Amino acid sequence: MAARKVFAGAKIRALRAQQKLTQAELAARLDISPSYVNQLESNQRPLTAVVMLALAENFGLDLASLATDASDRLVMDLREALADPVFGEAVPNLQELKTVATNAPDMARAVLALYEAYRKSNEQLAGMDAALSRDPHSGVTTAYEEVRDFFHYADNYIDPLDRAAEALAGELGQFGPGRLARLVEYLDETHDVRVSFAPPLAADAMSRFERATREIWINDRMEPASQFFRLATHLAGFEQVTLIGQLLDGASFKTAEARSIARMGLANYYAGALHMPYSAFLKAAEACRYDIEELSHFFGASLEQVAHRLSTMQRPRERGVPFFFARVDAAGTITKRHSATALQFARFGGACPLWNVHRAFEGRGDIIRQLAETPDGKSYLSLAWSHEKRMGGFRGTTRRYAYALGCEISHANRLIYADDLDLGKAVFDPIGISCRICERRTCPQRSVPPLAAGLSVPEDRRSIVP
């Protein structure tokens, strides 16, 4: 099979802008001609092995990141947005979308922002989105969606924050039950902050920092993994305020609300990285072949925390298996979504009902497996389970979620969950991203017609799908 050609014009332009180099200066660094640089940036020519090595040597770029087609998620987002009937028959084909996403990613994001503005305005006029949308005169997208996209296009990996957490994790020492106590001691000795574990004053309260007395209150009804995580988020506010501020400035959020939500998200990211430091976590994951229950036991973390951390393992030169991860509530709403794979979750609708995550509530905590194939021909191993989070007694707060974690079949042999599966002869369940862009016309669970198909409603015959 011929090697896939690698086009990375957008990445090279971004690198040159970051380094403040002209095309001639970059050409000199790479020992090629300025016209060649121009052709590379415009994707008229693919990267050669020699140029890729020169980029790695001169700028420390990860060769794997150069070869990775990061435009896949943009293509899927564009396909889903352009599936709206408002575009009529003027929808670009897949190759045109790939060209835009590869050559002009900023233009692709602008189109998505424009569609988001249209969608929000349409919903507001219909009176359907008033409770969820912020001031209709202040912007084009909700603050939560803006922050979601920030992490989405960073591959859910924030390198400087991850490395800062890993450095401190070494000081806290070995993993195990005593690590929470060592974090409490560290807060006391380093930041003069006391920690108290006590019953909650409100059913949904988890933690609180009293600045006047320099005391952190933690809900004693929470599991130790959650208590460690909550303390670590407060610690991020003490030790990483400058770094988090720099990351927020670089993101250029449109509203103060989005900036505040992102600050909370970055503190949560730091907490997860401190709980499960990158190198140690990757080593343990490879050793137990990504057994999430073993990882949960070793690091004293919940299955949700482990799965979320697995979706972030995209450090250059030290990548783990690329996973997708999602959390779904009982109504089918995706409340967390991260993907380092080609599988992208629906931005403008519900998830495919054939996906095994919807059956996880029936499993009462058991991990169920699914071999699934999306309409683009890519195959995945998907794991799903459910969990109840309870705080308090009979009238205490209970939250129920189902979780999905999966990877492409090409990586499945690295997972313990594939050992007894005959992947060569297996039958894969057909799943999709969204009914509007799914091309499977005979799916019995279809909720709306696919964009590419006209409607035919015969008078004398009925079938499950019109």
Protein backbone atom coordinates (compact mmCIF):
# COMPACT_ATOMS: atom_id res chain seq x y z
CA MET A 1 0.00 0.00 0.00
CA ALA A 2 1.37 3.42 -0.94
CA ALA A 3 2.27 5.73 1.93
CA ARG A 4 -0.27 8.47 2.63
CA LYS A 5 0.88 11.91 1.52
CA VAL A 6 1.13 14.42 4.36
CA PHE A 7 -0.09 17.98 3.74
CA ALA A 8 0.45 20.39 6.64
CA GLY A 9 0.17 23.88 5.16
CA ALA A 10 -1.85 25.33 8.04
CA LYS A 11 0.54 23.91 10.64
CA ILE A 12 3.60 25.32 8.85
CA ARG A 13 1.96 28.76 8.51
CA ALA A 14 1.07 28.72 12.21
CA LEU A 15 4.61 27.68 13.12
CA ARG A 16 6.11 30.45 11.01
CA ALA A 17 3.78 33.03 12.56
CA GLN A 18 4.62 31.78 16.05
CA GLN A 19 8.36 32.02 15.34
CA LYS A 20 7.89 35.41 13.59
CA LEU A 21 9.74 34.23 10.48
CA THR A 22 9.33 35.19 6.85
CA GLN A 23 9.03 32.47 4.24
CA ALA A 24 12.62 33.17 3.21
CA GLU A 25 13.87 32.88 6.80
CA LEU A 26 11.99 29.61 7.33
CA ALA A 27 13.38 28.30 4.03
CA ALA A 28 16.92 29.06 5.21
CA ARG A 29 16.31 27.19 8.47
CA LEU A 30 15.00 24.16 6.58
CA ASP A 31 17.60 24.38 3.78
CA ILE A 32 14.97 24.61 1.05
CA SER A 33 13.89 27.37 -1.34
CA PRO A 34 11.35 30.09 -0.41
CA SER A 35 9.14 28.97 -3.32
CA TYR A 36 9.09 25.45 -1.85
CA VAL A 37 7.94 26.89 1.50
CA ASN A 38 5.19 28.76 -0.33
CA GLN A 39 4.06 25.55 -2.04
CA LEU A 40 4.08 23.65 1.28
CA GLU A 41 2.01 26.33 3.02
CA SER A 42 -0.55 26.36 0.21
CA ASN A 43 -0.69 22.53 0.24
CA GLN A 44 0.48 22.35 -3.36
CA ARG A 45 3.17 19.88 -2.30
CA PRO A 46 3.24 17.29 0.50
CA LEU A 47 5.85 17.15 3.23
CA THR A 48 8.81 14.93 2.49
CA ALA A 49 10.63 12.89 5.11
CA VAL A 50 13.63 15.25 4.83
CA VAL A 51 11.52 18.35 5.50
CA MET A 52 9.68 16.67 8.37
CA LEU A 53 12.99 15.78 10.02
CA ALA A 54 14.24 19.35 9.50
CA LEU A 55 11.10 20.71 11.18
CA ALA A 56 11.56 18.32 14.08
CA GLU A 57 15.25 19.19 14.51
CA ASN A 58 14.89 22.96 14.16
CA PHE A 59 11.64 23.52 16.04
CA GLY A 60 11.17 20.41 18.19
CA LEU A 61 7.98 19.40 16.39
CA ASP A 62 6.56 15.95 16.99
CA LEU A 63 6.65 13.94 13.76
CA ALA A 64 3.44 12.15 14.76
CA SER A 65 1.62 15.48 15.07
CA LEU A 66 2.74 16.46 11.57
CA ALA A 67 1.44 13.22 10.13
CA THR A 68 -1.86 13.40 12.03
CA ASP A 69 -4.77 14.77 10.05
CA ALA A 70 -6.20 17.14 12.65
CA SER A 71 -8.71 18.47 10.15
CA ASP A 72 -10.98 15.43 10.61
CA ARG A 73 -12.92 17.01 13.46
CA LEU A 74 -13.39 20.24 11.50
CA VAL A 75 -14.68 18.26 8.52
CA MET A 76 -17.21 16.42 10.70
CA ASP A 77 -18.37 19.66 12.34
CA LEU A 78 -18.77 21.30 8.93
CA ARG A 79 -20.69 18.31 7.53
CA GLU A 80 -23.06 18.39 10.45
CA ALA A 81 -23.66 22.14 10.25
CA LEU A 82 -24.08 22.11 6.46
CA ALA A 83 -26.60 19.28 6.75
CA ASP A 84 -29.13 21.89 7.85
CA PRO A 85 -31.84 22.23 5.14
CA VAL A 86 -31.21 25.99 5.11
CA PHE A 87 -28.25 25.28 2.81
CA GLY A 88 -30.48 23.53 0.29
CA GLU A 89 -28.62 21.74 -2.51
CA ALA A 90 -25.57 24.02 -2.32
CA VAL A 91 -23.71 21.75 0.12
CA PRO A 92 -20.03 21.18 -0.75
CA ASN A 93 -18.96 17.60 -1.22
CA LEU A 94 -16.66 15.81 1.21
CA GLN A 95 -13.49 16.55 -0.76
CA GLU A 96 -14.28 20.27 -0.84
CA LEU A 97 -14.86 20.27 2.92
CA LYS A 98 -11.52 18.53 3.48
CA THR A 99 -9.80 21.15 1.32
CA VAL A 100 -11.29 23.99 3.36
CA ALA A 101 -10.51 22.33 6.70
CA THR A 102 -6.92 21.62 5.66
CA ASN A 103 -6.05 24.84 3.84
CA ALA A 104 -8.19 27.36 5.70
CA PRO A 105 -9.06 26.07 9.18
CA ASP A 106 -9.80 29.58 10.48
CA MET A 107 -12.34 30.04 7.69
CA ALA A 108 -13.90 26.68 8.60
CA ARG A 109 -14.29 27.79 12.23
CA ALA A 110 -15.77 31.10 11.06
CA VAL A 111 -18.41 29.18 9.09
CA LEU A 112 -19.21 27.12 12.18
CA ALA A 113 -19.50 30.29 14.27
CA LEU A 114 -21.80 31.84 11.65
CA TYR A 115 -24.01 28.76 11.59
CA GLU A 116 -24.08 28.73 15.39
CA ALA A 117 -25.23 32.37 15.31
CA TYR A 118 -27.99 31.50 12.84
CA ARG A 119 -29.07 28.48 14.88
CA LYS A 120 -29.23 30.41 18.13
CA SER A 121 -31.12 33.30 16.59
CA ASN A 122 -33.61 30.89 15.03
CA GLU A 123 -34.19 29.11 18.33
CA GLN A 124 -34.55 32.37 20.24
CA LEU A 125 -37.14 33.64 17.79
CA ALA A 126 -39.08 30.41 18.25
CA GLY A 127 -38.90 30.81 22.01
CA MET A 128 -37.19 27.42 22.42
CA ASP A 129 -33.77 28.41 23.72
CA ALA A 130 -34.41 31.45 25.92
CA ALA A 131 -33.50 29.68 29.13
CA LEU A 132 -30.21 28.28 27.85
CA SER A 133 -28.91 31.15 25.76
CA ARG A 134 -27.21 34.20 27.16
CA ASP A 135 -28.10 37.75 26.12
CA PRO A 136 -28.97 37.49 22.41
CA HIS A 137 -27.35 40.89 21.79
CA SER A 138 -23.98 39.98 23.25
CA GLY A 139 -22.61 37.23 21.00
CA VAL A 140 -23.11 34.26 18.73
CA THR A 141 -22.62 31.24 20.98
CA THR A 142 -23.06 30.24 24.61
CA ALA A 143 -20.14 30.51 26.98
CA TYR A 144 -20.15 26.78 27.64
CA GLU A 145 -19.97 26.01 23.92
CA GLU A 146 -17.07 28.45 23.50
CA VAL A 147 -15.12 26.72 26.27
CA ARG A 148 -16.03 23.28 24.92
CA ASP A 149 -14.54 24.25 21.57
CA PHE A 150 -11.38 25.54 23.29
CA PHE A 151 -10.67 22.10 24.75
CA HIS A 152 -12.01 20.34 21.64
CA TYR A 153 -9.50 21.95 19.30
CA ALA A 154 -6.64 21.54 21.80
CA ASP A 155 -7.20 17.75 21.62
CA ASN A 156 -8.14 18.00 25.31
CA TYR A 157 -4.42 18.21 26.19
CA ILE A 158 -2.95 21.33 27.86
CA ASP A 159 0.80 20.71 27.91
CA PRO A 160 2.17 23.38 30.35
CA LEU A 161 -0.56 22.69 32.91
CA ASP A 162 -0.09 18.93 32.56
CA ARG A 163 3.65 19.17 33.14
CA ALA A 164 3.25 21.50 36.12
CA ALA A 165 0.88 18.99 37.77
CA GLU A 166 3.25 16.14 37.02
CA ALA A 167 6.14 17.96 38.71
CA LEU A 168 4.15 18.40 41.93
CA ALA A 169 2.85 14.82 41.78
CA GLY A 170 6.42 13.64 42.24
CA GLU A 171 6.60 15.54 45.56
CA LEU A 172 3.41 13.92 46.85
CA GLY A 173 4.99 10.48 46.50
CA GLN A 174 3.47 7.05 46.03
CA PHE A 175 -0.08 6.43 44.95
CA GLY A 176 -2.53 4.90 47.37
CA PRO A 177 -4.90 5.75 50.25
CA GLY A 178 -2.33 7.96 52.02
CA ARG A 179 -2.01 10.38 49.10
CA LEU A 180 -5.06 12.41 50.12
CA ALA A 181 -3.52 12.97 53.56
CA ARG A 182 -0.24 14.06 51.96
CA LEU A 183 -2.10 16.60 49.83
CA VAL A 184 -3.77 17.95 52.98
CA GLU A 185 -0.34 18.26 54.63
CA TYR A 186 1.09 19.98 51.54
CA LEU A 187 -1.65 22.60 51.57
CA ASP A 188 -1.00 23.28 55.25
CA GLU A 189 2.79 23.44 55.02
CA THR A 190 3.11 25.27 51.68
CA HIS A 191 0.07 27.56 51.59
CA ASP A 192 -0.98 27.78 55.26
CA VAL A 193 -4.39 26.36 54.31
CA ARG A 194 -6.26 24.00 56.63
CA VAL A 195 -8.65 21.34 55.35
CA SER A 196 -11.72 20.15 57.21
CA PHE A 197 -13.96 17.25 56.26
CA ALA A 198 -17.52 17.75 57.48
CA PRO A 199 -21.17 17.06 56.52
CA PRO A 200 -22.62 19.42 53.91
CA LEU A 201 -24.82 22.38 54.76
CA ALA A 202 -26.54 21.98 51.38
CA ALA A 203 -27.24 18.69 49.58
CA ASP A 204 -25.30 19.67 46.45
CA ALA A 205 -22.28 21.31 48.15
CA MET A 206 -18.89 19.70 47.46
CA SER A 207 -16.21 22.13 48.65
CA ARG A 208 -15.68 25.73 49.73
CA PHE A 209 -12.63 27.92 50.37
CA GLU A 210 -12.95 30.52 53.15
CA ARG A 211 -10.37 33.17 52.28
CA ALA A 212 -10.65 34.99 55.61
CA THR A 213 -9.73 31.92 57.67
CA ARG A 214 -7.73 30.16 54.91
CA GLU A 215 -9.73 26.98 55.35
CA ILE A 216 -11.05 24.54 52.73
CA TRP A 217 -14.21 22.68 53.66
CA ILE A 218 -14.74 19.33 51.91
CA ASN A 219 -17.97 17.31 51.91
CA ASP A 220 -17.19 14.21 53.98
CA ARG A 221 -19.87 12.22 52.12
CA MET A 222 -17.89 12.23 48.88
CA GLU A 223 -15.61 9.37 47.88
CA PRO A 224 -11.86 9.90 48.57
CA ALA A 225 -11.16 10.19 44.82
CA SER A 226 -13.60 13.09 44.57
CA GLN A 227 -12.21 14.69 47.73
CA PHE A 228 -8.67 14.58 46.30
CA PHE A 229 -9.93 16.08 43.05
CA ARG A 230 -11.75 18.94 44.80
CA LEU A 231 -8.66 19.79 46.89
CA ALA A 232 -6.50 19.72 43.77
CA THR A 233 -8.76 22.22 42.00
CA HIS A 234 -8.34 24.64 44.91
CA LEU A 235 -4.59 24.06 44.81
CA ALA A 236 -4.58 25.06 41.14
CA GLY A 237 -5.98 28.43 42.22
CA PHE A 238 -3.09 28.87 44.65
CA GLU A 239 -0.15 27.68 42.56
CA GLN A 240 -1.11 27.98 38.89
CA VAL A 241 -2.96 31.31 38.79
CA THR A 242 -0.29 32.90 36.53
CA LEU A 243 -0.12 29.98 34.09
CA ILE A 244 -3.90 29.65 33.94
CA GLY A 245 -4.15 33.39 33.32
CA GLN A 246 -1.73 33.11 30.40
CA LEU A 247 -3.71 30.24 28.91
CA LEU A 248 -6.93 32.23 29.23
CA ASP A 249 -5.34 35.28 27.61
CA GLY A 250 -4.12 33.14 24.71
CA ALA A 251 -7.61 31.70 24.18
CA SER A 252 -9.14 35.17 23.65
CA PHE A 253 -12.58 34.28 24.97
CA LYS A 254 -15.33 36.65 23.89
CA THR A 255 -16.99 37.05 27.30
CA ALA A 256 -16.04 37.18 30.95
CA GLU A 257 -18.48 34.31 31.52
CA ALA A 258 -16.60 32.04 29.11
CA ARG A 259 -13.30 33.01 30.70
CA SER A 260 -14.64 32.08 34.16
CA ILE A 261 -15.93 28.72 32.93
CA ALA A 262 -12.59 28.02 31.22
CA ARG A 263 -10.73 28.90 34.42
CA MET A 264 -12.78 26.26 36.23
CA GLY A 265 -12.12 23.79 33.39
CA LEU A 266 -8.37 24.40 33.53
CA ALA A 267 -8.36 23.95 37.31
CA ASN A 268 -10.20 20.65 36.81
CA TYR A 269 -7.66 19.64 34.17
CA TYR A 270 -4.82 20.37 36.61
CA ALA A 271 -6.55 18.31 39.30
CA GLY A 272 -6.88 15.31 37.00
CA ALA A 273 -3.24 15.58 35.94
CA LEU A 274 -2.10 15.81 39.57
CA HIS A 275 -4.22 12.80 40.52
CA MET A 276 -2.91 10.75 37.58
CA PRO A 277 0.43 12.26 36.41
CA TYR A 278 1.08 11.73 32.72
CA SER A 279 4.17 9.50 32.51
CA ALA A 280 3.25 7.31 35.49
CA PHE A 281 -0.32 6.97 34.27
CA LEU A 282 0.72 6.07 30.72
CA LYS A 283 3.22 3.50 32.01
CA ALA A 284 0.58 1.90 34.23
CA ALA A 285 -2.00 1.95 31.43
CA GLU A 286 0.34 0.18 29.03
CA ALA A 287 1.32 -2.35 31.72
CA CYS A 288 -2.29 -3.35 32.53
CA ARG A 289 -3.34 -2.97 28.88
CA TYR A 290 -5.74 -0.12 29.60
CA ASP A 291 -7.82 -2.01 32.15
CA ILE A 292 -9.74 0.94 33.59
CA GLU A 293 -10.71 -0.90 36.77
CA GLU A 294 -7.06 -1.73 37.49
CA LEU A 295 -6.08 1.88 36.83
CA SER A 296 -8.89 3.04 39.12
CA HIS A 297 -7.59 0.83 41.94
CA PHE A 298 -3.92 1.79 41.43
CA PHE A 299 -4.45 5.57 41.38
CA GLY A 300 -7.39 5.68 43.79
CA ALA A 301 -9.55 7.32 41.13
CA SER A 302 -13.07 6.76 39.87
CA LEU A 303 -13.73 5.06 36.54
CA GLU A 304 -14.97 8.39 35.19
CA GLN A 305 -11.73 10.13 36.23
CA VAL A 306 -9.64 7.36 34.67
CA ALA A 307 -11.59 7.42 31.40
CA HIS A 308 -11.42 11.21 31.22
CA ARG A 309 -7.66 11.09 31.80
CA LEU A 310 -7.22 8.48 29.07
CA SER A 311 -8.82 10.89 26.59
CA THR A 312 -6.07 13.46 27.31
CA MET A 313 -3.02 11.28 26.62
CA GLN A 314 -1.81 13.20 23.57
CA ARG A 315 1.58 14.53 24.72
CA PRO A 316 3.99 14.87 21.78
CA ARG A 317 6.45 11.94 21.59
CA GLU A 318 4.61 10.21 24.45
CA ARG A 319 1.14 9.49 23.13
CA GLY A 320 -1.15 6.83 24.48
CA VAL A 321 -4.00 5.10 22.68
CA PRO A 322 -6.22 7.85 21.19
CA PHE A 323 -9.59 7.51 22.91
CA PHE A 324 -12.97 9.17 22.76
CA PHE A 325 -14.81 9.71 26.04
CA ALA A 326 -18.37 10.84 26.75
CA ARG A 327 -20.71 11.16 29.70
CA VAL A 328 -24.45 10.87 29.06
CA ASP A 329 -27.34 11.55 31.40
CA ALA A 330 -30.56 9.52 31.59
CA ALA A 331 -32.24 11.78 29.02
CA GLY A 332 -29.54 11.00 26.45
CA THR A 333 -27.84 14.39 26.69
CA ILE A 334 -24.06 14.32 26.31
CA THR A 335 -22.72 16.34 29.25
CA LYS A 336 -19.01 15.64 28.64
CA ARG A 337 -17.37 14.93 25.29
CA HIS A 338 -13.74 14.54 24.32
CA SER A 339 -12.25 12.78 21.32
CA ALA A 340 -8.70 12.15 20.15
CA THR A 341 -10.10 9.91 17.40
CA ALA A 342 -11.83 10.54 14.09
CA LEU A 343 -15.16 9.96 15.87
CA GLN A 344 -16.71 13.33 16.66
CA PHE A 345 -19.87 13.79 18.71
CA ALA A 346 -22.91 15.63 17.42
CA ARG A 347 -22.73 19.36 18.07
CA PHE A 348 -26.27 20.20 17.02
CA GLY A 349 -28.36 17.17 18.00
CA GLY A 350 -28.55 13.97 20.01
CA ALA A 351 -26.21 10.98 19.84
CA CYS A 352 -26.95 7.87 17.79
CA PRO A 353 -29.47 5.65 19.68
CA LEU A 354 -27.66 2.50 18.47
CA TRP A 355 -24.54 3.43 20.46
CA ASN A 356 -24.04 1.13 23.45
CA VAL A 357 -23.76 4.00 25.94
CA HIS A 358 -27.57 4.22 25.94
CA ARG A 359 -27.81 0.59 27.08
CA ALA A 360 -25.33 1.09 29.90
CA PHE A 361 -28.05 2.14 32.38
CA GLU A 362 -29.41 -1.40 32.12
CA GLY A 363 -26.02 -2.92 33.03
CA ARG A 364 -25.95 -1.56 36.61
CA GLY A 365 -22.25 -0.77 36.52
CA ASP A 366 -21.05 -3.66 34.37
CA ILE A 367 -18.73 -2.73 31.50
CA ILE A 368 -20.37 -3.65 28.20
CA ARG A 369 -18.54 -3.79 24.87
CA GLN A 370 -19.59 -2.89 21.37
CA LEU A 371 -17.88 -3.21 18.01
CA ALA A 372 -19.23 -0.33 15.96
CA GLU A 373 -18.74 1.14 12.52
CA THR A 374 -19.51 4.71 11.47
CA PRO A 375 -20.70 5.66 7.96
CA ASP A 376 -17.17 6.76 6.98
CA GLY A 377 -16.05 3.11 7.27
CA LYS A 378 -14.05 3.54 10.50
CA SER A 379 -14.48 0.82 13.13
CA TYR A 380 -14.30 1.22 16.90
CA LEU A 381 -14.25 -0.75 20.12
CA SER A 382 -16.58 1.07 22.51
CA LEU A 383 -16.87 0.42 26.25
CA ALA A 384 -19.84 1.66 28.27
CA TRP A 385 -20.93 1.53 31.90
CA SER A 386 -23.18 3.45 34.28
CA HIS A 387 -22.73 4.79 37.79
CA GLU A 388 -24.76 6.50 40.49
CA LYS A 389 -23.24 9.33 42.47
CA ARG A 390 -24.91 9.61 45.85
CA MET A 391 -24.32 12.11 48.62
CA GLY A 392 -26.26 11.91 51.85
CA GLY A 393 -28.99 9.63 53.13
CA PHE A 394 -32.42 8.70 51.85
CA ARG A 395 -33.16 12.23 50.66
CA GLY A 396 -29.61 12.92 49.54
CA THR A 397 -28.57 14.00 46.07
CA THR A 398 -28.28 11.26 43.43
CA ARG A 399 -26.87 11.73 39.94
CA ARG A 400 -26.99 8.95 37.35
CA TYR A 401 -24.71 8.87 34.33
CA ALA A 402 -23.60 6.47 31.62
CA TYR A 403 -20.07 6.64 30.24
CA ALA A 404 -18.47 5.66 26.95
CA LEU A 405 -14.78 5.12 26.23
CA GLY A 406 -13.47 3.80 22.94
CA CYS A 407 -10.76 3.68 20.31
CA GLU A 408 -10.34 2.74 16.67
CA ILE A 409 -10.03 -0.97 15.95
CA SER A 410 -6.43 -0.48 14.81
CA HIS A 411 -5.53 0.15 18.49
CA ALA A 412 -7.85 -2.46 20.01
CA ASN A 413 -5.14 -5.13 20.36
CA ARG A 414 -3.50 -2.90 22.98
CA LEU A 415 -6.61 -3.17 25.17
CA ILE A 416 -7.41 -6.12 27.42
CA TYR A 417 -11.05 -5.80 26.37
CA ALA A 418 -10.31 -7.15 22.88
CA ASP A 419 -8.50 -10.33 23.92
CA ASP A 420 -11.44 -12.68 23.36
CA LEU A 421 -12.84 -10.88 20.32
CA ASP A 422 -12.19 -12.20 16.82
CA LEU A 423 -11.85 -8.79 15.19
CA GLY A 424 -11.25 -10.32 11.77
CA LYS A 425 -14.66 -12.03 11.69
CA ALA A 426 -16.63 -9.78 14.01
CA VAL A 427 -19.91 -8.14 13.07
CA PHE A 428 -19.87 -4.40 13.66
CA ASP A 429 -22.97 -2.49 14.72
CA PRO A 430 -23.73 0.41 12.37
CA ILE A 431 -23.77 3.66 14.36
CA GLY A 432 -23.66 7.28 13.24
CA ILE A 433 -22.95 10.77 14.51
CA SER A 434 -26.29 12.42 13.84
CA CYS A 435 -29.35 11.30 11.88
CA ARG A 436 -29.13 14.37 9.66
CA ILE A 437 -25.73 13.41 8.28
CA CYS A 438 -25.92 9.63 8.65
CA GLU A 439 -26.14 7.97 5.26
CA ARG A 440 -27.80 4.75 6.44
CA ARG A 441 -31.29 5.12 5.01
CA THR A 442 -32.76 1.91 6.46
CA CYS A 443 -31.83 2.47 10.11
CA PRO A 444 -34.87 1.53 12.23
CA GLN A 445 -33.97 4.18 14.83
CA ARG A 446 -33.79 7.08 12.37
CA SER A 447 -35.47 10.22 13.73
CA VAL A 448 -35.13 12.59 10.74
CA PRO A 449 -34.36 12.04 7.05
CA PRO A 450 -30.75 12.18 5.87
CA LEU A 451 -29.75 15.28 3.96
CA ALA A 452 -28.65 13.30 0.91
CA ALA A 453 -31.99 11.54 0.45
CA GLY A 454 -35.26 12.86 -0.87
CA LEU A 455 -38.51 11.90 0.84
CA SER A 456 -40.75 9.24 -0.66
CA VAL A 457 -44.07 8.54 1.05
CA PRO A 458 -45.99 5.86 -0.91
CA GLU A 459 -49.73 5.69 -0.25
CA ASP A 460 -50.09 1.89 -0.31
CA ARG A 461 -47.03 0.70 1.63
CA ARG A 462 -45.61 1.27 5.07
CA SER A 463 -42.16 0.44 6.43
CA ILE A 464 -40.30 1.26 9.62
CA VAL A 465 -38.39 4.05 7.91
CA PRO A 466 -40.24 6.09 5.22
